[in-house]
Amino acid sequence: MKIRLILTSLVAVVILVSCVEVNNKQTKTKNKLPNIVYILADDLGYGDVRWYNSGGKIRTPNIDRIGDEGIVFTDAHTSSSVCTPTRYGIITGRYNWRSRLKRSVLRGYSKALIPNSRTTVASMLQTHGYNTAFIGKWHLGWDWSIKDSTKILNRNNLENIDFSKSIKNGPKDLGFEYSYGHSGSLDMAPYVYVENGMPTEVPDVTTVNKGEYSWWREGPTSSDFIHEDVTPNFFRKSFEYIKEKSKEEKPFFMYLALPSPHTPIMPTKEWQGKSGLNPYGDFVMMMDDYVGQLEKVINEAGIEKNTLVIFTSDNGCSPEANFELLEQKGHDPSYIYRGYKADIFEGGHRVPFMAKWPNKIKKGIVSDQTICTTDLMATCADITSYKLLDNEAEDSYSLMPLFEGKELSSPLREATVHHSIDGKFAIRKEEWKLIMCAGSGGWSFPRTRNKAVIDTLHKYQLYNLKEDPSEMNNLIASKTEKADELKSLLSKYIIEGRSTPGEPQINDSIDFEWKQIKFIND
């Protein structure tokens, strides 16, 4: 009898210990910081993703699935309508026009834009125990080693770069433990991969391409840099990174900045003709397939439940996609929105943005909250319980309340500032959008340089996007009170060096007059 009681007690203890161990393991798994994968497409339009444009002619089943399995934002925006400034905002949580970059983009030979002293999303996550990686198109400048320091580097003397030596002030100096990519866009020389600060090969040829869709500028090219293979290569590198880091206890953050479907538009042979549209449609479909492969790698690694995957684009679709031909075939990359890449109109900066994180985000959430690509840093700070300092992520709001499906009593962002390639401003608050120029501020009609046309227009534009999402009815003359309200708020954001609550900050070098703000007291 005693033996039976002892055995029974021992079994009970074993069961109790096992239950505690299971509970502890489940709690540990539940409370473990998530892996974060941020996929940034290049020049992908809002209407190019089937989830957003059911009538679109490009099939994107893998990107769509991210939305189906998580949250879709229908009113997401990039901080700029072109490449470099948006990337600045993603990495720093700060609007680009607060930096020295007031308009346009950097080149493949440009010096580093972000100082090493500025906190980035990568450096912040690194201090919280994350492995951090950048793979892809950097386009934020870095400092090449120079042979003759008396000569200023430009597109005409790229032979002055010493490719046998390391770069300075690149991704690794901004918090990325691992980095592999190229300096500018895929059509900007030099065409050289740089891994952890070192060029992988010294370029041995000069290439140039003048194709209708696949053009790139002339410049030094390494033998391992094959333009057609760059997008597949970056995905392969990301697969390797996920497989390797998923075996470690530490979580990882991987910023995968794709060079596609930006020019050169070069779908691989197996994808050519698949869309039935043109090479651009084929290229988007190829990219979508690789996104599906990446998700498969995450699933096979057994980390899908606690991995936050975000997919978005750096701005709207470029006219290099051939809008006229696509329209003939029933496809509009900008969907119902006016304009495209480079513009201050919605087509320039309204982008697809979706996220999945099974442990946190419920399936099938659709949010119409206005969000911005600058919001990554505050979101990651929220995930890690890090309190941002006043001089960090000055224009970033956390998306966590929306990920958690919380009902907000007021908009997540008080307002959002947009910026075009010409350095023109717009500010969006709820359904109202004030544009601080007469035309597109970019590449679509009417352009800033079309002076004869611009002079016939009102110098500012005000739209109610709820009633007029295509921005066709300028209300600036009849809604002066609303315009003044938005003008004042934009001025406040600029003067105070931030658009989030906190102590005012100083913008970086301002070497021109903020002409668009002067009229506030007119």
Protein backbone atom coordinates (compact mmCIF):
# COMPACT_ATOMS: atom_id res chain seq x y z
CA MET A 1 0.00 0.00 0.00
CA LYS A 2 2.81 2.39 0.95
CA ILE A 3 4.69 1.51 -2.24
CA ARG A 4 1.54 2.22 -4.28
CA LEU A 5 1.10 5.59 -2.56
CA ILE A 6 4.74 6.47 -3.16
CA LEU A 7 4.49 5.50 -6.84
CA THR A 8 1.27 7.48 -7.21
CA SER A 9 2.91 10.50 -5.62
CA LEU A 10 5.95 10.18 -7.87
CA VAL A 11 3.74 10.02 -10.98
CA ALA A 12 1.83 13.10 -9.79
CA VAL A 13 5.08 14.99 -9.24
CA VAL A 14 6.37 13.99 -12.70
CA ILE A 15 3.10 15.12 -14.30
CA LEU A 16 3.17 18.39 -12.34
CA VAL A 17 6.79 19.08 -13.31
CA SER A 18 6.01 18.24 -16.95
CA CYS A 19 3.05 20.61 -16.94
CA VAL A 20 5.15 23.37 -15.44
CA GLU A 21 7.88 22.78 -18.03
CA VAL A 22 5.33 22.85 -20.86
CA ASN A 23 3.72 26.01 -19.49
CA ASN A 24 7.10 27.66 -19.04
CA LYS A 25 8.09 26.67 -22.57
CA GLN A 26 4.81 28.01 -23.98
CA THR A 27 5.17 31.25 -21.99
CA LYS A 28 8.77 31.61 -23.12
CA THR A 29 7.76 31.07 -26.75
CA LYS A 30 4.82 33.42 -26.42
CA ASN A 31 6.92 36.17 -24.84
CA LYS A 32 9.92 35.76 -27.13
CA LEU A 33 10.65 38.74 -29.32
CA PRO A 34 9.56 38.14 -32.92
CA ASN A 35 11.74 37.86 -35.96
CA ILE A 36 11.08 40.79 -38.29
CA VAL A 37 11.28 40.59 -42.09
CA TYR A 38 10.72 43.86 -43.95
CA ILE A 39 10.33 43.40 -47.71
CA LEU A 40 10.53 46.62 -49.72
CA ALA A 41 9.63 46.44 -53.40
CA ASP A 42 10.95 49.16 -55.72
CA ASP A 43 8.49 51.17 -57.86
CA LEU A 44 5.56 48.79 -57.30
CA GLY A 45 2.23 50.55 -57.72
CA TYR A 46 -0.78 50.35 -55.41
CA GLY A 47 -2.82 48.82 -58.22
CA ASP A 48 -0.16 46.25 -59.17
CA VAL A 49 -1.13 44.02 -56.23
CA ARG A 50 -4.30 42.06 -56.94
CA TRP A 51 -5.51 42.34 -53.33
CA TYR A 52 -5.90 46.11 -53.83
CA ASN A 53 -7.06 46.02 -57.42
CA SER A 54 -9.36 43.10 -58.10
CA GLY A 55 -9.63 44.22 -61.71
CA GLY A 56 -5.86 44.35 -62.12
CA LYS A 57 -4.28 42.12 -64.75
CA ILE A 58 -1.17 41.07 -62.78
CA ARG A 59 -1.50 37.97 -60.62
CA THR A 60 0.13 38.32 -57.19
CA PRO A 61 -1.11 35.32 -55.15
CA ASN A 62 1.83 35.23 -52.72
CA ILE A 63 1.76 38.91 -51.83
CA ASP A 64 -2.04 38.68 -51.55
CA ARG A 65 -1.67 35.79 -49.10
CA ILE A 66 0.30 37.98 -46.68
CA GLY A 67 -2.73 40.24 -46.56
CA ASP A 68 -5.19 37.36 -46.26
CA GLU A 69 -3.25 35.93 -43.31
CA GLY A 70 -2.71 39.23 -41.54
CA ILE A 71 -3.56 42.92 -41.84
CA VAL A 72 -3.95 45.04 -44.97
CA PHE A 73 -3.60 48.82 -44.88
CA THR A 74 -5.60 50.57 -47.58
CA ASP A 75 -4.27 54.06 -46.79
CA ALA A 76 -0.51 53.48 -46.46
CA HIS A 77 2.03 55.99 -47.75
CA THR A 78 5.72 56.36 -48.32
CA SER A 79 7.37 59.45 -46.88
CA SER A 80 8.45 60.42 -50.39
CA SER A 81 7.47 59.52 -53.93
CA VAL A 82 11.02 58.42 -54.84
CA CYS A 83 13.61 55.90 -53.68
CA THR A 84 16.32 57.42 -51.46
CA PRO A 85 14.14 59.62 -49.25
CA THR A 86 11.69 56.82 -48.52
CA ARG A 87 14.56 54.54 -47.52
CA TYR A 88 15.87 57.25 -45.22
CA GLY A 89 12.49 57.39 -43.49
CA ILE A 90 12.25 53.62 -43.12
CA ILE A 91 15.67 53.32 -41.50
CA THR A 92 15.48 56.42 -39.26
CA GLY A 93 11.78 57.01 -38.60
CA ARG A 94 12.38 60.60 -39.72
CA TYR A 95 11.25 62.53 -42.78
CA ASN A 96 14.02 62.84 -45.37
CA TRP A 97 13.60 66.60 -45.84
CA ARG A 98 14.91 67.05 -42.31
CA SER A 99 18.23 65.72 -43.62
CA ARG A 100 20.43 67.38 -46.24
CA LEU A 101 18.38 65.65 -48.97
CA LYS A 102 15.72 68.18 -49.92
CA ARG A 103 14.76 66.79 -53.32
CA SER A 104 15.56 64.02 -55.84
CA VAL A 105 17.68 60.95 -55.00
CA LEU A 106 21.29 59.94 -54.44
CA ARG A 107 23.50 58.25 -57.05
CA GLY A 108 25.57 55.10 -56.94
CA TYR A 109 28.67 57.11 -56.06
CA SER A 110 27.01 59.45 -53.50
CA LYS A 111 28.39 59.87 -50.02
CA ALA A 112 26.57 58.48 -46.97
CA LEU A 113 23.36 60.34 -46.13
CA ILE A 114 22.77 59.02 -42.61
CA PRO A 115 25.41 59.95 -39.99
CA ASN A 116 26.63 57.12 -37.77
CA SER A 117 25.48 59.10 -34.73
CA ARG A 118 21.81 58.72 -35.66
CA THR A 119 19.88 55.82 -34.16
CA THR A 120 18.36 53.54 -36.79
CA VAL A 121 15.84 50.76 -36.52
CA ALA A 122 18.73 48.28 -36.95
CA SER A 123 20.99 49.80 -34.29
CA MET A 124 18.07 49.99 -31.87
CA LEU A 125 17.11 46.33 -32.43
CA GLN A 126 20.75 45.30 -32.18
CA THR A 127 20.89 46.68 -28.62
CA HIS A 128 17.87 44.50 -27.82
CA GLY A 129 19.60 41.29 -28.80
CA TYR A 130 18.61 41.07 -32.46
CA ASN A 131 20.72 39.73 -35.28
CA THR A 132 20.37 42.39 -37.98
CA ALA A 133 20.79 42.16 -41.75
CA PHE A 134 20.43 44.33 -44.82
CA ILE A 135 20.15 42.63 -48.21
CA GLY A 136 19.49 44.46 -51.46
CA LYS A 137 19.43 47.99 -52.83
CA TRP A 138 20.90 50.44 -50.29
CA HIS A 139 20.53 53.80 -52.09
CA LEU A 140 21.40 55.81 -48.98
CA GLY A 141 24.97 56.54 -49.97
CA TRP A 142 28.19 55.18 -48.58
CA ASP A 143 31.76 56.35 -48.85
CA TRP A 144 33.81 54.49 -51.44
CA SER A 145 37.59 54.31 -51.03
CA ILE A 146 39.14 56.80 -53.41
CA LYS A 147 42.44 56.53 -55.27
CA ASP A 148 42.96 60.27 -55.75
CA SER A 149 41.36 62.33 -52.97
CA THR A 150 41.92 65.57 -54.88
CA LYS A 151 39.26 64.57 -57.41
CA ILE A 152 35.57 64.79 -56.50
CA LEU A 153 33.80 61.56 -57.35
CA ASN A 154 31.15 61.83 -60.07
CA ARG A 155 29.63 59.71 -62.81
CA ASN A 156 32.48 60.58 -65.21
CA ASN A 157 35.35 59.36 -63.04
CA LEU A 158 34.17 56.17 -61.36
CA GLU A 159 37.56 54.67 -62.17
CA ASN A 160 38.77 56.76 -59.22
CA ILE A 161 37.09 54.29 -56.85
CA ASP A 162 39.45 51.74 -55.31
CA PHE A 163 37.26 48.63 -55.36
CA SER A 164 39.96 46.57 -53.65
CA LYS A 165 39.33 48.44 -50.39
CA SER A 166 36.39 48.60 -48.02
CA ILE A 167 33.70 51.25 -48.02
CA LYS A 168 33.02 53.47 -45.03
CA ASN A 169 29.81 54.70 -43.42
CA GLY A 170 27.69 51.94 -44.87
CA PRO A 171 25.06 49.56 -43.47
CA LYS A 172 27.33 47.98 -40.84
CA ASP A 173 27.96 51.45 -39.35
CA LEU A 174 24.21 51.92 -38.93
CA GLY A 175 23.46 48.73 -37.03
CA PHE A 176 23.41 45.99 -39.65
CA GLU A 177 25.69 43.14 -38.54
CA TYR A 178 25.38 41.53 -41.94
CA SER A 179 24.99 43.42 -45.20
CA TYR A 180 25.02 42.47 -48.85
CA GLY A 181 23.92 44.71 -51.66
CA HIS A 182 24.69 47.41 -54.18
CA SER A 183 24.96 51.16 -53.71
CA GLY A 184 22.21 52.71 -55.84
CA SER A 185 19.39 51.67 -58.12
CA LEU A 186 19.98 48.79 -60.51
CA ASP A 187 20.40 51.29 -63.35
CA MET A 188 23.07 53.31 -61.48
CA ALA A 189 26.78 52.52 -61.74
CA PRO A 190 28.96 51.14 -60.29
CA TYR A 191 27.54 47.64 -60.59
CA VAL A 192 29.34 45.94 -57.73
CA TYR A 193 28.13 43.86 -54.80
CA VAL A 194 29.42 44.92 -51.40
CA GLU A 195 29.31 42.38 -48.57
CA ASN A 196 29.99 43.49 -45.00
CA GLY A 197 31.70 46.60 -46.29
CA MET A 198 33.93 44.95 -48.92
CA PRO A 199 33.32 44.79 -52.67
CA THR A 200 32.99 41.11 -53.57
CA GLU A 201 34.96 41.64 -56.79
CA VAL A 202 36.88 44.41 -58.53
CA PRO A 203 34.93 45.38 -61.68
CA ASP A 204 36.67 44.24 -64.83
CA VAL A 205 34.33 45.50 -67.55
CA THR A 206 32.18 48.50 -68.38
CA THR A 207 28.58 47.77 -69.34
CA VAL A 208 25.68 49.78 -70.66
CA ASN A 209 22.20 48.81 -71.83
CA LYS A 210 19.77 50.89 -73.87
CA GLY A 211 16.80 48.53 -74.15
CA GLU A 212 13.22 49.77 -74.01
CA TYR A 213 12.59 48.23 -70.60
CA SER A 214 16.00 46.94 -69.52
CA TRP A 215 18.18 50.05 -69.82
CA TRP A 216 20.91 50.98 -67.37
CA ARG A 217 23.58 53.66 -67.28
CA GLU A 218 27.10 52.95 -68.42
CA GLY A 219 29.57 52.02 -65.71
CA PRO A 220 32.08 49.61 -64.19
CA THR A 221 30.65 46.14 -63.63
CA SER A 222 31.95 43.15 -61.68
CA SER A 223 31.88 39.71 -63.30
CA ASP A 224 29.64 38.41 -60.48
CA PHE A 225 27.13 41.23 -61.01
CA ILE A 226 24.65 40.01 -63.61
CA HIS A 227 21.74 42.41 -63.92
CA GLU A 228 19.17 39.74 -64.78
CA ASP A 229 20.15 37.77 -61.69
CA VAL A 230 20.27 40.53 -59.07
CA THR A 231 16.71 40.11 -57.77
CA PRO A 232 16.96 36.28 -57.65
CA ASN A 233 20.38 36.62 -56.01
CA PHE A 234 19.06 38.87 -53.23
CA PHE A 235 16.25 36.42 -52.54
CA ARG A 236 18.73 33.52 -52.41
CA LYS A 237 20.82 35.48 -49.90
CA SER A 238 17.73 36.14 -47.81
CA PHE A 239 16.81 32.44 -47.85
CA GLU A 240 20.29 31.55 -46.60
CA TYR A 241 20.12 34.17 -43.87
CA ILE A 242 16.73 32.99 -42.58
CA LYS A 243 17.82 29.34 -42.56
CA GLU A 244 20.98 30.20 -40.64
CA LYS A 245 19.52 32.63 -38.10
CA SER A 246 16.37 30.62 -37.41
CA LYS A 247 18.60 28.06 -35.68
CA GLU A 248 19.77 30.61 -33.12
CA GLU A 249 18.07 31.71 -29.92
CA LYS A 250 18.38 35.38 -30.84
CA PRO A 251 15.62 36.89 -32.98
CA PHE A 252 16.58 38.50 -36.28
CA PHE A 253 15.65 41.58 -38.25
CA MET A 254 16.12 41.34 -42.02
CA TYR A 255 15.58 44.36 -44.25
CA LEU A 256 15.20 43.01 -47.79
CA ALA A 257 15.27 46.00 -50.13
CA LEU A 258 14.50 44.73 -53.60
CA PRO A 259 15.68 46.47 -56.79
CA SER A 260 12.55 45.33 -58.62
CA PRO A 261 10.32 46.03 -60.46
CA HIS A 262 12.40 49.22 -60.96
CA THR A 263 14.39 49.54 -64.19
CA PRO A 264 16.09 47.64 -65.65
CA ILE A 265 12.91 45.60 -66.01
CA MET A 266 14.37 42.14 -66.53
CA PRO A 267 12.20 39.11 -65.78
CA THR A 268 14.15 35.88 -66.04
CA LYS A 269 13.48 33.64 -69.03
CA GLU A 270 10.96 31.42 -67.24
CA TRP A 271 8.79 34.47 -66.49
CA GLN A 272 8.96 36.24 -69.81
CA GLY A 273 5.49 36.55 -71.34
CA LYS A 274 3.73 35.07 -68.28
CA SER A 275 1.63 38.15 -67.48
CA GLY A 276 0.26 38.58 -70.98
CA LEU A 277 0.92 42.31 -70.57
CA ASN A 278 4.55 43.33 -71.01
CA PRO A 279 7.95 42.77 -69.30
CA TYR A 280 6.86 44.92 -66.34
CA GLY A 281 3.91 42.64 -65.59
CA ASP A 282 6.20 39.62 -65.97
CA PHE A 283 8.71 41.16 -63.56
CA VAL A 284 6.06 41.78 -60.90
CA MET A 285 4.88 38.18 -61.20
CA MET A 286 8.45 36.92 -60.87
CA MET A 287 8.95 39.00 -57.73
CA ASP A 288 5.67 37.70 -56.29
CA ASP A 289 6.81 34.12 -56.84
CA TYR A 290 10.03 34.79 -54.92
CA VAL A 291 8.03 36.31 -52.08
CA GLY A 292 6.17 33.00 -51.93
CA GLN A 293 9.46 31.11 -51.83
CA LEU A 294 10.64 33.30 -48.96
CA GLU A 295 7.48 32.57 -47.00
CA LYS A 296 8.05 28.86 -47.61
CA VAL A 297 11.57 29.12 -46.18
CA ILE A 298 10.15 30.81 -43.07
CA ASN A 299 7.53 28.08 -42.70
CA GLU A 300 10.03 25.25 -43.19
CA ALA A 301 12.27 26.80 -40.55
CA GLY A 302 9.38 26.51 -38.10
CA ILE A 303 9.41 30.20 -37.18
CA GLU A 304 6.35 31.44 -39.03
CA LYS A 305 4.14 31.96 -35.96
CA ASN A 306 6.54 34.39 -34.32
CA THR A 307 7.82 36.16 -37.43
CA LEU A 308 6.47 39.55 -38.43
CA VAL A 309 6.55 39.83 -42.23
CA ILE A 310 5.87 43.26 -43.73
CA PHE A 311 5.54 43.84 -47.46
CA THR A 312 5.38 47.28 -49.04
CA SER A 313 6.83 49.46 -51.81
CA ASP A 314 9.10 52.52 -51.76
CA ASN A 315 6.79 54.65 -53.95
CA GLY A 316 4.31 54.37 -56.79
CA CYS A 317 4.89 52.74 -60.15
CA SER A 318 7.27 54.38 -62.61
CA PRO A 319 6.14 55.43 -66.11
CA GLU A 320 8.95 53.15 -67.33
CA ALA A 321 6.38 50.38 -66.91
CA ASN A 322 4.63 51.81 -70.00
CA PHE A 323 1.31 53.03 -68.61
CA GLU A 324 -0.14 53.56 -72.08
CA LEU A 325 0.34 49.93 -73.09
CA LEU A 326 -0.86 48.65 -69.71
CA GLU A 327 -3.97 50.82 -69.96
CA GLN A 328 -4.74 49.36 -73.38
CA LYS A 329 -4.72 45.94 -71.73
CA GLY A 330 -6.92 47.03 -68.84
CA HIS A 331 -4.33 47.49 -66.10
CA ASP A 332 -3.59 50.68 -64.12
CA PRO A 333 -0.66 50.48 -61.66
CA SER A 334 -2.04 53.49 -59.76
CA TYR A 335 -5.57 52.01 -59.56
CA ILE A 336 -8.04 54.90 -59.10
CA TYR A 337 -5.39 57.35 -57.92
CA ARG A 338 -3.88 60.24 -59.82
CA GLY A 339 -0.23 60.32 -60.87
CA TYR A 340 2.65 57.91 -60.35
CA LYS A 341 6.21 57.70 -59.04
CA ALA A 342 7.82 61.10 -58.27
CA ASP A 343 4.45 62.90 -57.91
CA ILE A 344 2.87 64.58 -54.92
CA PHE A 345 -0.45 63.10 -56.07
CA GLU A 346 -1.63 59.86 -54.44
CA GLY A 347 -0.24 57.64 -57.19
CA GLY A 348 3.23 58.78 -56.19
CA HIS A 349 3.20 57.71 -52.56
CA ARG A 350 0.11 55.60 -51.76
CA VAL A 351 1.43 52.03 -51.72
CA PRO A 352 0.47 48.46 -50.86
CA PHE A 353 1.32 47.70 -47.24
CA MET A 354 0.45 44.46 -45.48
CA ALA A 355 1.76 42.51 -42.51
CA LYS A 356 1.36 39.05 -41.00
CA TRP A 357 2.44 37.80 -37.56
CA PRO A 358 0.35 34.79 -36.52
CA ASN A 359 1.20 35.13 -32.82
CA LYS A 360 -0.07 38.69 -32.74
CA ILE A 361 -2.07 39.71 -35.83
CA LYS A 362 -5.43 38.06 -36.49
CA LYS A 363 -6.26 37.02 -40.02
CA GLY A 364 -8.37 39.18 -42.27
CA ILE A 365 -7.93 42.61 -40.69
CA VAL A 366 -8.38 45.56 -43.05
CA SER A 367 -7.38 48.98 -41.73
CA ASP A 368 -8.20 52.32 -43.31
CA GLN A 369 -5.97 54.20 -40.88
CA THR A 370 -3.45 56.49 -42.57
CA ILE A 371 0.04 55.12 -41.96
CA CYS A 372 3.52 55.88 -43.27
CA THR A 373 6.69 53.90 -43.98
CA THR A 374 8.43 55.99 -41.31
CA ASP A 375 6.35 54.05 -38.77
CA LEU A 376 8.63 50.99 -38.72
CA MET A 377 10.98 52.32 -36.07
CA ALA A 378 8.34 53.25 -33.50
CA THR A 379 6.66 49.90 -34.13
CA CYS A 380 9.89 48.02 -33.44
CA ALA A 381 10.50 50.16 -30.36
CA ASP A 382 7.03 49.19 -29.14
CA ILE A 383 7.74 45.50 -29.80
CA THR A 384 10.94 45.63 -27.72
CA SER A 385 9.49 47.98 -25.05
CA TYR A 386 12.13 50.56 -25.91
CA LYS A 387 11.34 54.17 -25.05
CA LEU A 388 12.42 56.35 -27.94
CA LEU A 389 14.49 59.41 -27.08
CA ASP A 390 13.41 62.83 -28.29
CA ASN A 391 16.06 62.81 -31.02
CA GLU A 392 15.02 59.41 -32.36
CA ALA A 393 12.28 58.52 -34.87
CA GLU A 394 10.80 62.01 -34.83
CA ASP A 395 8.14 61.14 -37.42
CA SER A 396 7.33 57.55 -36.49
CA TYR A 397 4.15 56.14 -34.93
CA SER A 398 3.78 52.59 -33.64
CA LEU A 399 1.52 50.29 -35.65
CA MET A 400 1.19 47.85 -32.75
CA PRO A 401 -2.28 49.04 -31.69
CA LEU A 402 -3.47 48.31 -35.24
CA PHE A 403 -1.65 44.96 -35.33
CA GLU A 404 -3.47 44.05 -32.12
CA GLY A 405 -6.83 45.06 -33.60
CA LYS A 406 -7.49 47.80 -31.07
CA GLU A 407 -10.23 50.32 -31.69
CA LEU A 408 -8.70 53.80 -31.60
CA SER A 409 -10.65 56.80 -30.37
CA SER A 410 -8.67 59.07 -32.70
CA PRO A 411 -6.49 58.61 -35.80
CA LEU A 412 -3.16 56.87 -35.20
CA ARG A 413 -1.25 59.72 -36.85
CA GLU A 414 -2.26 63.32 -36.28
CA ALA A 415 -1.21 64.07 -39.85
CA THR A 416 1.23 62.82 -42.49
CA VAL A 417 3.59 64.84 -44.66
CA HIS A 418 4.21 63.83 -48.27
CA HIS A 419 7.15 64.90 -50.43
CA SER A 420 7.83 64.73 -54.18
CA ILE A 421 10.95 64.40 -56.29
CA ASP A 422 10.96 68.18 -56.87
CA GLY A 423 10.89 68.78 -53.12
CA LYS A 424 7.23 69.81 -53.09
CA PHE A 425 5.16 69.26 -49.95
CA ALA A 426 1.70 68.03 -49.09
CA ILE A 427 0.11 67.38 -45.74
CA ARG A 428 -2.67 64.91 -45.09
CA LYS A 429 -4.98 65.03 -42.07
CA GLU A 430 -7.94 62.65 -42.02
CA GLU A 431 -9.74 63.07 -45.38
CA TRP A 432 -8.08 66.41 -46.21
CA LYS A 433 -4.91 66.83 -48.25
CA LEU A 434 -3.22 70.16 -48.91
CA ILE A 435 -0.67 70.26 -51.74
CA MET A 436 1.85 73.10 -51.65
CA CYS A 437 2.30 73.49 -55.40
CA ALA A 438 0.23 73.99 -58.53
CA GLY A 439 1.06 70.79 -60.39
CA SER A 440 2.27 67.26 -59.80
CA GLY A 441 5.58 68.23 -58.23
CA GLY A 442 6.97 65.33 -60.19
CA TRP A 443 6.81 63.64 -63.57
CA SER A 444 3.14 63.59 -64.50
CA PHE A 445 1.29 66.51 -66.09
CA PRO A 446 1.38 69.34 -65.16
CA ARG A 447 5.08 69.33 -64.27
CA THR A 448 6.79 72.16 -62.42
CA ARG A 449 8.73 73.08 -65.54
CA ASN A 450 5.50 73.45 -67.58
CA LYS A 451 5.44 77.12 -66.57
CA ALA A 452 2.87 78.20 -69.12
CA VAL A 453 0.40 75.68 -67.68
CA ILE A 454 1.40 76.10 -64.05
CA ASP A 455 0.86 79.85 -64.24
CA THR A 456 -2.80 79.29 -65.13
CA LEU A 457 -3.44 77.19 -62.01
CA HIS A 458 -3.96 78.10 -58.38
CA LYS A 459 -0.60 77.88 -56.62
CA TYR A 460 -1.97 75.41 -54.02
CA GLN A 461 -4.35 72.45 -54.06
CA LEU A 462 -6.80 71.10 -51.48
CA TYR A 463 -8.64 67.80 -51.89
CA ASN A 464 -11.16 65.85 -49.88
CA LEU A 465 -9.89 62.31 -50.52
CA LYS A 466 -13.00 60.68 -49.07
CA GLU A 467 -15.20 62.32 -51.68
CA ASP A 468 -12.56 62.79 -54.37
CA PRO A 469 -9.87 60.09 -54.14
CA SER A 470 -8.66 60.84 -57.67
CA GLU A 471 -7.82 64.48 -56.75
CA MET A 472 -9.77 66.10 -59.56
CA ASN A 473 -11.71 68.82 -57.67
CA ASN A 474 -9.43 71.46 -56.15
CA LEU A 475 -11.25 73.07 -53.20
CA ILE A 476 -8.55 75.57 -52.27
CA ALA A 477 -10.68 78.59 -53.15
CA SER A 478 -13.74 77.54 -51.16
CA LYS A 479 -12.16 75.86 -48.12
CA THR A 480 -9.68 78.51 -47.04
CA GLU A 481 -10.18 77.79 -43.33
CA LYS A 482 -9.24 74.14 -43.75
CA ALA A 483 -6.28 75.11 -45.93
CA ASP A 484 -5.02 77.55 -43.29
CA GLU A 485 -5.35 74.88 -40.60
CA LEU A 486 -3.23 72.45 -42.59
CA LYS A 487 -0.70 75.14 -43.54
CA SER A 488 -0.18 75.97 -39.88
CA LEU A 489 0.25 72.32 -38.93
CA LEU A 490 2.82 71.74 -41.68
CA SER A 491 4.72 74.82 -40.55
CA LYS A 492 4.67 73.53 -36.96
CA TYR A 493 6.02 70.13 -38.01
CA ILE A 494 8.87 71.74 -39.94
CA ILE A 495 9.81 74.33 -37.32
CA GLU A 496 9.69 71.89 -34.39
CA GLY A 497 11.76 69.24 -36.19
CA ARG A 498 9.22 66.53 -35.48
CA SER A 499 5.61 65.48 -36.10
CA THR A 500 5.29 63.24 -33.04
CA PRO A 501 4.88 64.38 -29.41
CA GLY A 502 8.16 65.33 -27.75
CA GLU A 503 10.75 68.02 -27.34
CA PRO A 504 11.41 70.11 -30.48
CA GLN A 505 14.42 69.03 -32.53
CA ILE A 506 16.69 70.76 -35.01
CA ASN A 507 16.49 69.86 -38.68
CA ASP A 508 19.75 69.16 -40.47
CA SER A 509 21.39 71.80 -42.66
CA ILE A 510 18.86 74.07 -44.32
CA ASP A 511 20.64 75.69 -47.23
CA PHE A 512 17.59 77.17 -48.93
CA GLU A 513 14.56 79.22 -48.03
CA TRP A 514 11.43 77.26 -47.07
CA LYS A 515 9.42 79.15 -49.67
CA GLN A 516 6.41 76.91 -49.41
CA ILE A 517 5.87 77.94 -45.80
CA LYS A 518 6.22 81.71 -46.14
CA PHE A 519 2.67 82.23 -47.33
CA ILE A 520 1.10 81.15 -44.04
CA ASN A 521 0.74 84.74 -42.86
CA ASP A 522 0.04 86.18 -46.31
